[in-house]
Amino acid sequence: SPHNFSGLKDVIESRLAAIEDDIGGLGERLRLQGGEAAG
């Protein structure tokens, strides 16, 4: 549906939000694993 740009914008924004959540969770796990490894 190439004419539905507003819907595409909503889809992209929701997916970007999910990616941000994933990156945040991964960053937190990385920080914890890094701290444990350093210990």
PDB file of all heavy atoms in Angstrom:
ATOM      1  N   SER A   1       0.847  -1.194   0.000  1.00  0.00           N
ATOM      2  CA  SER A   1       0.000   0.000   0.000  1.00  0.00           C
ATOM      3  C   SER A   1       0.881   1.241   0.000  1.00  0.00           C
ATOM      4  O   SER A   1       1.036   1.908   1.014  1.00  0.00           O
ATOM      5  CB  SER A   1      -0.917  -0.067   1.210  1.00  0.00           C
ATOM      6  OG  SER A   1      -1.102   1.125   1.822  1.00  0.00           O
ATOM      7  N   PRO A   2       1.488   1.575  -1.141  1.00  0.00           N
ATOM      8  CA  PRO A   2       2.435   2.689  -1.190  1.00  0.00           C
ATOM      9  C   PRO A   2       1.808   4.055  -0.942  1.00  0.00           C
ATOM     10  O   PRO A   2       2.506   5.003  -0.634  1.00  0.00           O
ATOM     11  CB  PRO A   2       3.012   2.609  -2.607  1.00  0.00           C
ATOM     12  CG  PRO A   2       2.078   1.776  -3.392  1.00  0.00           C
ATOM     13  CD  PRO A   2       1.348   0.911  -2.423  1.00  0.00           C
ATOM     14  N   HIS A   3       0.496   4.178  -1.025  1.00  0.00           N
ATOM     15  CA  HIS A   3      -0.141   5.483  -0.830  1.00  0.00           C
ATOM     16  C   HIS A   3      -0.448   5.764   0.634  1.00  0.00           C
ATOM     17  O   HIS A   3      -0.877   6.854   0.976  1.00  0.00           O
ATOM     18  CB  HIS A   3      -1.420   5.572  -1.667  1.00  0.00           C
ATOM     19  CG  HIS A   3      -1.145   5.381  -3.124  1.00  0.00           C
ATOM     20  ND1 HIS A   3      -0.446   6.295  -3.871  1.00  0.00           N
ATOM     21  CD2 HIS A   3      -1.447   4.362  -3.956  1.00  0.00           C
ATOM     22  CE1 HIS A   3      -0.345   5.860  -5.111  1.00  0.00           C
ATOM     23  NE2 HIS A   3      -0.930   4.677  -5.195  1.00  0.00           N
ATOM     24  N   ASN A   4      -0.205   4.818   1.482  1.00  0.00           N
ATOM     25  CA  ASN A   4      -0.531   4.966   2.894  1.00  0.00           C
ATOM     26  C   ASN A   4       0.714   5.392   3.680  1.00  0.00           C
ATOM     27  O   ASN A   4       1.209   4.665   4.525  1.00  0.00           O
ATOM     28  CB  ASN A   4      -1.103   3.651   3.426  1.00  0.00           C
ATOM     29  CG  ASN A   4      -1.668   3.789   4.802  1.00  0.00           C
ATOM     30  OD1 ASN A   4      -1.711   4.871   5.372  1.00  0.00           O
ATOM     31  ND2 ASN A   4      -2.096   2.674   5.368  1.00  0.00           N
ATOM     32  N   PHE A   5       1.211   6.580   3.406  1.00  0.00           N
ATOM     33  CA  PHE A   5       2.436   7.053   4.055  1.00  0.00           C
ATOM     34  C   PHE A   5       2.257   7.289   5.553  1.00  0.00           C
ATOM     35  O   PHE A   5       3.171   7.034   6.323  1.00  0.00           O
ATOM     36  CB  PHE A   5       2.935   8.346   3.395  1.00  0.00           C
ATOM     37  CG  PHE A   5       3.498   8.125   2.039  1.00  0.00           C
ATOM     38  CD1 PHE A   5       2.860   8.628   0.916  1.00  0.00           C
ATOM     39  CD2 PHE A   5       4.670   7.406   1.870  1.00  0.00           C
ATOM     40  CE1 PHE A   5       3.379   8.419  -0.346  1.00  0.00           C
ATOM     41  CE2 PHE A   5       5.194   7.196   0.611  1.00  0.00           C
ATOM     42  CZ  PHE A   5       4.551   7.703  -0.506  1.00  0.00           C
ATOM     43  N   SER A   6       1.117   7.766   5.962  1.00  0.00           N
ATOM     44  CA  SER A   6       0.917   8.015   7.393  1.00  0.00           C
ATOM     45  C   SER A   6       0.924   6.697   8.164  1.00  0.00           C
ATOM     46  O   SER A   6       1.469   6.609   9.260  1.00  0.00           O
ATOM     47  CB  SER A   6      -0.376   8.780   7.644  1.00  0.00           C
ATOM     48  OG  SER A   6      -1.490   8.009   7.237  1.00  0.00           O
ATOM     49  N   GLY A   7       0.330   5.667   7.579  1.00  0.00           N
ATOM     50  CA  GLY A   7       0.369   4.355   8.224  1.00  0.00           C
ATOM     51  C   GLY A   7       1.777   3.807   8.285  1.00  0.00           C
ATOM     52  O   GLY A   7       2.182   3.204   9.279  1.00  0.00           O
ATOM     53  N   LEU A   8       2.538   4.052   7.219  1.00  0.00           N
ATOM     54  CA  LEU A   8       3.930   3.610   7.197  1.00  0.00           C
ATOM     55  C   LEU A   8       4.736   4.311   8.284  1.00  0.00           C
ATOM     56  O   LEU A   8       5.536   3.687   8.969  1.00  0.00           O
ATOM     57  CB  LEU A   8       4.539   3.874   5.819  1.00  0.00           C
ATOM     58  CG  LEU A   8       5.999   3.495   5.650  1.00  0.00           C
ATOM     59  CD1 LEU A   8       6.173   1.988   5.834  1.00  0.00           C
ATOM     60  CD2 LEU A   8       6.508   3.929   4.290  1.00  0.00           C
ATOM     61  N   LYS A   9       4.474   5.592   8.461  1.00  0.00           N
ATOM     62  CA  LYS A   9       5.169   6.354   9.508  1.00  0.00           C
ATOM     63  C   LYS A   9       4.877   5.755  10.877  1.00  0.00           C
ATOM     64  O   LYS A   9       5.778   5.581  11.693  1.00  0.00           O
ATOM     65  CB  LYS A   9       4.737   7.817   9.462  1.00  0.00           C
ATOM     66  CG  LYS A   9       5.399   8.666  10.504  1.00  0.00           C
ATOM     67  CD  LYS A   9       4.883  10.085  10.471  1.00  0.00           C
ATOM     68  CE  LYS A   9       5.481  10.842  11.616  1.00  0.00           C
ATOM     69  NZ  LYS A   9       4.653  11.933  12.061  1.00  0.00           N
ATOM     70  N   ASP A  10       3.622   5.410  11.132  1.00  0.00           N
ATOM     71  CA  ASP A  10       3.257   4.802  12.421  1.00  0.00           C
ATOM     72  C   ASP A  10       3.949   3.458  12.618  1.00  0.00           C
ATOM     73  O   ASP A  10       4.434   3.149  13.710  1.00  0.00           O
ATOM     74  CB  ASP A  10       1.740   4.622  12.518  1.00  0.00           C
ATOM     75  CG  ASP A  10       0.999   5.954  12.568  1.00  0.00           C
ATOM     76  OD1 ASP A  10       1.641   6.976  12.908  1.00  0.00           O
ATOM     77  OD2 ASP A  10      -0.211   5.965  12.260  1.00  0.00           O
ATOM     78  N   VAL A  11       3.999   2.657  11.561  1.00  0.00           N
ATOM     79  CA  VAL A  11       4.660   1.348  11.633  1.00  0.00           C
ATOM     80  C   VAL A  11       6.141   1.530  11.945  1.00  0.00           C
ATOM     81  O   VAL A  11       6.700   0.865  12.819  1.00  0.00           O
ATOM     82  CB  VAL A  11       4.463   0.561  10.316  1.00  0.00           C
ATOM     83  CG1 VAL A  11       5.365  -0.660  10.261  1.00  0.00           C
ATOM     84  CG2 VAL A  11       3.013   0.155  10.155  1.00  0.00           C
ATOM     85  N   ILE A  12       6.784   2.455  11.240  1.00  0.00           N
ATOM     86  CA  ILE A  12       8.218   2.692  11.457  1.00  0.00           C
ATOM     87  C   ILE A  12       8.474   3.188  12.874  1.00  0.00           C
ATOM     88  O   ILE A  12       9.400   2.721  13.544  1.00  0.00           O
ATOM     89  CB  ILE A  12       8.773   3.673  10.407  1.00  0.00           C
ATOM     90  CG1 ILE A  12       8.803   2.999   9.035  1.00  0.00           C
ATOM     91  CG2 ILE A  12      10.167   4.162  10.798  1.00  0.00           C
ATOM     92  CD1 ILE A  12       9.155   3.931   7.893  1.00  0.00           C
ATOM     93  N   GLU A  13       7.642   4.111  13.345  1.00  0.00           N
ATOM     94  CA  GLU A  13       7.827   4.631  14.706  1.00  0.00           C
ATOM     95  C   GLU A  13       7.651   3.539  15.753  1.00  0.00           C
ATOM     96  O   GLU A  13       8.417   3.460  16.717  1.00  0.00           O
ATOM     97  CB  GLU A  13       6.855   5.780  14.957  1.00  0.00           C
ATOM     98  CG  GLU A  13       7.255   7.058  14.256  1.00  0.00           C
ATOM     99  CD  GLU A  13       6.253   8.185  14.459  1.00  0.00           C
ATOM    100  OE1 GLU A  13       5.161   7.940  15.040  1.00  0.00           O
ATOM    101  OE2 GLU A  13       6.564   9.308  14.038  1.00  0.00           O
ATOM    102  N   SER A  14       6.671   2.669  15.563  1.00  0.00           N
ATOM    103  CA  SER A  14       6.469   1.594  16.544  1.00  0.00           C
ATOM    104  C   SER A  14       7.623   0.608  16.513  1.00  0.00           C
ATOM    105  O   SER A  14       8.069   0.124  17.557  1.00  0.00           O
ATOM    106  CB  SER A  14       5.137   0.878  16.306  1.00  0.00           C
ATOM    107  OG  SER A  14       5.180   0.129  15.112  1.00  0.00           O
ATOM    108  N   ARG A  15       8.135   0.342  15.324  1.00  0.00           N
ATOM    109  CA  ARG A  15       9.272  -0.582  15.225  1.00  0.00           C
ATOM    110  C   ARG A  15      10.534   0.048  15.791  1.00  0.00           C
ATOM    111  O   ARG A  15      11.350  -0.638  16.419  1.00  0.00           O
ATOM    112  CB  ARG A  15       9.459  -1.037  13.788  1.00  0.00           C
ATOM    113  CG  ARG A  15       8.311  -1.944  13.396  1.00  0.00           C
ATOM    114  CD  ARG A  15       8.493  -2.606  12.103  1.00  0.00           C
ATOM    115  NE  ARG A  15       7.335  -3.485  11.880  1.00  0.00           N
ATOM    116  CZ  ARG A  15       6.902  -3.837  10.720  1.00  0.00           C
ATOM    117  NH1 ARG A  15       7.520  -3.421   9.632  1.00  0.00           N
ATOM    118  NH2 ARG A  15       5.855  -4.626  10.593  1.00  0.00           N
ATOM    119  N   LEU A  16      10.713   1.327  15.578  1.00  0.00           N
ATOM    120  CA  LEU A  16      11.871   2.006  16.167  1.00  0.00           C
ATOM    121  C   LEU A  16      11.789   1.990  17.693  1.00  0.00           C
ATOM    122  O   LEU A  16      12.804   1.829  18.373  1.00  0.00           O
ATOM    123  CB  LEU A  16      11.984   3.439  15.647  1.00  0.00           C
ATOM    124  CG  LEU A  16      12.481   3.595  14.226  1.00  0.00           C
ATOM    125  CD1 LEU A  16      12.441   5.065  13.804  1.00  0.00           C
ATOM    126  CD2 LEU A  16      13.892   3.040  14.079  1.00  0.00           C
ATOM    127  N   ALA A  17      10.584   2.156  18.228  1.00  0.00           N
ATOM    128  CA  ALA A  17      10.415   2.087  19.676  1.00  0.00           C
ATOM    129  C   ALA A  17      10.790   0.692  20.188  1.00  0.00           C
ATOM    130  O   ALA A  17      11.456   0.561  21.226  1.00  0.00           O
ATOM    131  CB  ALA A  17       8.983   2.432  20.058  1.00  0.00           C
ATOM    132  N   ALA A  18      10.378  -0.339  19.454  1.00  0.00           N
ATOM    133  CA  ALA A  18      10.731  -1.711  19.862  1.00  0.00           C
ATOM    134  C   ALA A  18      12.237  -1.920  19.790  1.00  0.00           C
ATOM    135  O   ALA A  18      12.836  -2.544  20.673  1.00  0.00           O
ATOM    136  CB  ALA A  18      10.014  -2.727  18.971  1.00  0.00           C
ATOM    137  N   ILE A  19      12.870  -1.365  18.764  1.00  0.00           N
ATOM    138  CA  ILE A  19      14.329  -1.486  18.633  1.00  0.00           C
ATOM    139  C   ILE A  19      15.030  -0.761  19.772  1.00  0.00           C
ATOM    140  O   ILE A  19      15.990  -1.269  20.351  1.00  0.00           O
ATOM    141  CB  ILE A  19      14.783  -0.945  17.261  1.00  0.00           C
ATOM    142  CG1 ILE A  19      14.310  -1.870  16.144  1.00  0.00           C
ATOM    143  CG2 ILE A  19      16.296  -0.777  17.208  1.00  0.00           C
ATOM    144  CD1 ILE A  19      14.462  -1.282  14.756  1.00  0.00           C
ATOM    145  N   GLU A  20      14.541   0.431  20.112  1.00  0.00           N
ATOM    146  CA  GLU A  20      15.128   1.174  21.233  1.00  0.00           C
ATOM    147  C   GLU A  20      15.028   0.383  22.526  1.00  0.00           C
ATOM    148  O   GLU A  20      15.970   0.352  23.325  1.00  0.00           O
ATOM    149  CB  GLU A  20      14.449   2.529  21.383  1.00  0.00           C
ATOM    150  CG  GLU A  20      14.821   3.524  20.305  1.00  0.00           C
ATOM    151  CD  GLU A  20      14.034   4.824  20.412  1.00  0.00           C
ATOM    152  OE1 GLU A  20      13.157   4.935  21.288  1.00  0.00           O
ATOM    153  OE2 GLU A  20      14.311   5.720  19.601  1.00  0.00           O
ATOM    154  N   ASP A  21      13.882  -0.260  22.734  1.00  0.00           N
ATOM    155  CA  ASP A  21      13.719  -1.099  23.933  1.00  0.00           C
ATOM    156  C   ASP A  21      14.712  -2.253  23.927  1.00  0.00           C
ATOM    157  O   ASP A  21      15.329  -2.565  24.954  1.00  0.00           O
ATOM    158  CB  ASP A  21      12.291  -1.643  24.030  1.00  0.00           C
ATOM    159  CG  ASP A  21      11.277  -0.553  24.334  1.00  0.00           C
ATOM    160  OD1 ASP A  21      11.680   0.542  24.770  1.00  0.00           O
ATOM    161  OD2 ASP A  21      10.071  -0.800  24.117  1.00  0.00           O
ATOM    162  N   ASP A  22      14.859  -2.898  22.756  1.00  0.00           N
ATOM    163  CA  ASP A  22      15.803  -4.010  22.650  1.00  0.00           C
ATOM    164  C   ASP A  22      17.228  -3.543  22.925  1.00  0.00           C
ATOM    165  O   ASP A  22      17.987  -4.205  23.633  1.00  0.00           O
ATOM    166  CB  ASP A  22      15.747  -4.646  21.264  1.00  0.00           C
ATOM    167  CG  ASP A  22      14.495  -5.470  21.057  1.00  0.00           C
ATOM    168  OD1 ASP A  22      13.798  -5.751  22.047  1.00  0.00           O
ATOM    169  OD2 ASP A  22      14.222  -5.828  19.893  1.00  0.00           O
ATOM    170  N   ILE A  23      17.601  -2.419  22.361  1.00  0.00           N
ATOM    171  CA  ILE A  23      18.959  -1.899  22.558  1.00  0.00           C
ATOM    172  C   ILE A  23      19.164  -1.519  24.013  1.00  0.00           C
ATOM    173  O   ILE A  23      20.232  -1.764  24.583  1.00  0.00           O
ATOM    174  CB  ILE A  23      19.224  -0.715  21.609  1.00  0.00           C
ATOM    175  CG1 ILE A  23      19.334  -1.231  20.171  1.00  0.00           C
ATOM    176  CG2 ILE A  23      20.486   0.032  22.001  1.00  0.00           C
ATOM    177  CD1 ILE A  23      19.442  -0.142  19.127  1.00  0.00           C
ATOM    178  N   GLY A  24      18.144  -0.932  24.631  1.00  0.00           N
ATOM    179  CA  GLY A  24      18.250  -0.596  26.054  1.00  0.00           C
ATOM    180  C   GLY A  24      18.454  -1.834  26.911  1.00  0.00           C
ATOM    181  O   GLY A  24      19.306  -1.863  27.806  1.00  0.00           O
ATOM    182  N   GLY A  25      17.680  -2.874  26.621  1.00  0.00           N
ATOM    183  CA  GLY A  25      17.829  -4.125  27.369  1.00  0.00           C
ATOM    184  C   GLY A  25      19.176  -4.767  27.135  1.00  0.00           C
ATOM    185  O   GLY A  25      19.817  -5.277  28.063  1.00  0.00           O
ATOM    186  N   LEU A  26      19.624  -4.737  25.885  1.00  0.00           N
ATOM    187  CA  LEU A  26      20.933  -5.301  25.555  1.00  0.00           C
ATOM    188  C   LEU A  26      22.044  -4.509  26.237  1.00  0.00           C
ATOM    189  O   LEU A  26      22.994  -5.081  26.759  1.00  0.00           O
ATOM    190  CB  LEU A  26      21.128  -5.316  24.039  1.00  0.00           C
ATOM    191  CG  LEU A  26      22.387  -5.978  23.512  1.00  0.00           C
ATOM    192  CD1 LEU A  26      22.467  -7.431  23.957  1.00  0.00           C
ATOM    193  CD2 LEU A  26      22.427  -5.890  21.994  1.00  0.00           C
ATOM    194  N   GLY A  27      21.907  -3.191  26.260  1.00  0.00           N
ATOM    195  CA  GLY A  27      22.905  -2.355  26.940  1.00  0.00           C
ATOM    196  C   GLY A  27      22.973  -2.657  28.430  1.00  0.00           C
ATOM    197  O   GLY A  27      24.056  -2.715  29.013  1.00  0.00           O
ATOM    198  N   GLU A  28      21.828  -2.864  29.037  1.00  0.00           N
ATOM    199  CA  GLU A  28      21.797  -3.201  30.463  1.00  0.00           C
ATOM    200  C   GLU A  28      22.447  -4.558  30.716  1.00  0.00           C
ATOM    201  O   GLU A  28      23.243  -4.717  31.647  1.00  0.00           O
ATOM    202  CB  GLU A  28      20.347  -3.199  30.967  1.00  0.00           C
ATOM    203  CG  GLU A  28      20.207  -3.507  32.435  1.00  0.00           C
ATOM    204  CD  GLU A  28      20.853  -2.476  33.339  1.00  0.00           C
ATOM    205  OE1 GLU A  28      21.071  -1.332  32.903  1.00  0.00           O
ATOM    206  OE2 GLU A  28      21.168  -2.830  34.497  1.00  0.00           O
ATOM    207  N   ARG A  29      22.125  -5.546  29.863  1.00  0.00           N
ATOM    208  CA  ARG A  29      22.755  -6.862  30.021  1.00  0.00           C
ATOM    209  C   ARG A  29      24.263  -6.763  29.801  1.00  0.00           C
ATOM    210  O   ARG A  29      25.043  -7.397  30.506  1.00  0.00           O
ATOM    211  CB  ARG A  29      22.146  -7.872  29.055  1.00  0.00           C
ATOM    212  CG  ARG A  29      20.775  -8.340  29.465  1.00  0.00           C
ATOM    213  CD  ARG A  29      20.355  -9.606  28.746  1.00  0.00           C
ATOM    214  NE  ARG A  29      20.564  -9.585  27.324  1.00  0.00           N
ATOM    215  CZ  ARG A  29      19.642  -9.306  26.410  1.00  0.00           C
ATOM    216  NH1 ARG A  29      18.429  -9.011  26.780  1.00  0.00           N
ATOM    217  NH2 ARG A  29      19.942  -9.328  25.121  1.00  0.00           N
ATOM    218  N   LEU A  30      24.666  -5.960  28.826  1.00  0.00           N
ATOM    219  CA  LEU A  30      26.086  -5.764  28.562  1.00  0.00           C
ATOM    220  C   LEU A  30      26.784  -5.142  29.766  1.00  0.00           C
ATOM    221  O   LEU A  30      27.866  -5.568  30.155  1.00  0.00           O
ATOM    222  CB  LEU A  30      26.273  -4.885  27.324  1.00  0.00           C
ATOM    223  CG  LEU A  30      27.690  -4.508  26.943  1.00  0.00           C
ATOM    224  CD1 LEU A  30      28.506  -5.752  26.624  1.00  0.00           C
ATOM    225  CD2 LEU A  30      27.691  -3.568  25.760  1.00  0.00           C
ATOM    226  N   ARG A  31      26.136  -4.148  30.365  1.00  0.00           N
ATOM    227  CA  ARG A  31      26.723  -3.506  31.547  1.00  0.00           C
ATOM    228  C   ARG A  31      26.870  -4.506  32.692  1.00  0.00           C
ATOM    229  O   ARG A  31      27.920  -4.585  33.334  1.00  0.00           O
ATOM    230  CB  ARG A  31      25.851  -2.328  31.985  1.00  0.00           C
ATOM    231  CG  ARG A  31      26.457  -1.502  33.114  1.00  0.00           C
ATOM    232  CD  ARG A  31      25.488  -0.444  33.601  1.00  0.00           C
ATOM    233  NE  ARG A  31      24.290  -0.987  34.212  1.00  0.00           N
ATOM    234  CZ  ARG A  31      24.238  -1.496  35.437  1.00  0.00           C
ATOM    235  NH1 ARG A  31      25.320  -1.558  36.182  1.00  0.00           N
ATOM    236  NH2 ARG A  31      23.098  -1.951  35.927  1.00  0.00           N
ATOM    237  N   LEU A  32      25.848  -5.310  32.911  1.00  0.00           N
ATOM    238  CA  LEU A  32      25.902  -6.313  33.982  1.00  0.00           C
ATOM    239  C   LEU A  32      26.950  -7.379  33.696  1.00  0.00           C
ATOM    240  O   LEU A  32      27.742  -7.742  34.580  1.00  0.00           O
ATOM    241  CB  LEU A  32      24.537  -6.958  34.187  1.00  0.00           C
ATOM    242  CG  LEU A  32      23.448  -6.063  34.760  1.00  0.00           C
ATOM    243  CD1 LEU A  32      22.106  -6.779  34.744  1.00  0.00           C
ATOM    244  CD2 LEU A  32      23.803  -5.602  36.160  1.00  0.00           C
ATOM    245  N   GLN A  33      26.969  -7.896  32.465  1.00  0.00           N
ATOM    246  CA  GLN A  33      27.947  -8.926  32.121  1.00  0.00           C
ATOM    247  C   GLN A  33      29.361  -8.367  32.168  1.00  0.00           C
ATOM    248  O   GLN A  33      30.282  -9.050  32.613  1.00  0.00           O
ATOM    249  CB  GLN A  33      27.664  -9.498  30.730  1.00  0.00           C
ATOM    250  CG  GLN A  33      26.457 -10.393  30.685  1.00  0.00           C
ATOM    251  CD  GLN A  33      26.164 -10.903  29.274  1.00  0.00           C
ATOM    252  OE1 GLN A  33      26.785 -10.490  28.312  1.00  0.00           O
ATOM    253  NE2 GLN A  33      25.193 -11.792  29.178  1.00  0.00           N
ATOM    254  N   GLY A  34      29.525  -7.125  31.722  1.00  0.00           N
ATOM    255  CA  GLY A  34      30.847  -6.496  31.779  1.00  0.00           C
ATOM    256  C   GLY A  34      31.318  -6.338  33.206  1.00  0.00           C
ATOM    257  O   GLY A  34      32.481  -6.581  33.530  1.00  0.00           O
ATOM    258  N   GLY A  35      30.404  -5.927  34.099  1.00  0.00           N
ATOM    259  CA  GLY A  35      30.752  -5.792  35.514  1.00  0.00           C
ATOM    260  C   GLY A  35      31.116  -7.123  36.142  1.00  0.00           C
ATOM    261  O   GLY A  35      32.086  -7.223  36.909  1.00  0.00           O
ATOM    262  N   GLU A  36      30.348  -8.154  35.787  1.00  0.00           N
ATOM    263  CA  GLU A  36      30.649  -9.487  36.316  1.00  0.00           C
ATOM    264  C   GLU A  36      31.994  -9.993  35.792  1.00  0.00           C
ATOM    265  O   GLU A  36      32.787 -10.546  36.547  1.00  0.00           O
ATOM    266  CB  GLU A  36      29.542 -10.470  35.940  1.00  0.00           C
ATOM    267  CG  GLU A  36      28.229 -10.210  36.635  1.00  0.00           C
ATOM    268  CD  GLU A  36      27.087 -11.033  36.075  1.00  0.00           C
ATOM    269  OE1 GLU A  36      27.311 -11.811  35.130  1.00  0.00           O
ATOM    270  OE2 GLU A  36      25.964 -10.879  36.590  1.00  0.00           O
ATOM    271  N   ALA A  37      32.233  -9.793  34.503  1.00  0.00           N
ATOM    272  CA  ALA A  37      33.507 -10.233  33.922  1.00  0.00           C
ATOM    273  C   ALA A  37      34.665  -9.473  34.542  1.00  0.00           C
ATOM    274  O   ALA A  37      35.702 -10.061  34.864  1.00  0.00           O
ATOM    275  CB  ALA A  37      33.485 -10.043  32.407  1.00  0.00           C
ATOM    276  N   ALA A  38      34.501  -8.172  34.735  1.00  0.00           N
ATOM    277  CA  ALA A  38      35.566  -7.377  35.357  1.00  0.00           C
ATOM    278  C   ALA A  38      35.818  -7.850  36.784  1.00  0.00           C
ATOM    279  O   ALA A  38      36.975  -7.928  37.223  1.00  0.00           O
ATOM    280  CB  ALA A  38      35.199  -5.898  35.345  1.00  0.00           C
ATOM    281  N   GLY A  39      34.753  -8.198  37.486  1.00  0.00           N
ATOM    282  CA  GLY A  39      34.914  -8.714  38.845  1.00  0.00           C
ATOM    283  C   GLY A  39      35.669 -10.037  38.863  1.00  0.00           C
ATOM    284  O   GLY A  39      36.531 -10.259  39.723  1.00  0.00           O
TER     285      GLY A  39
END
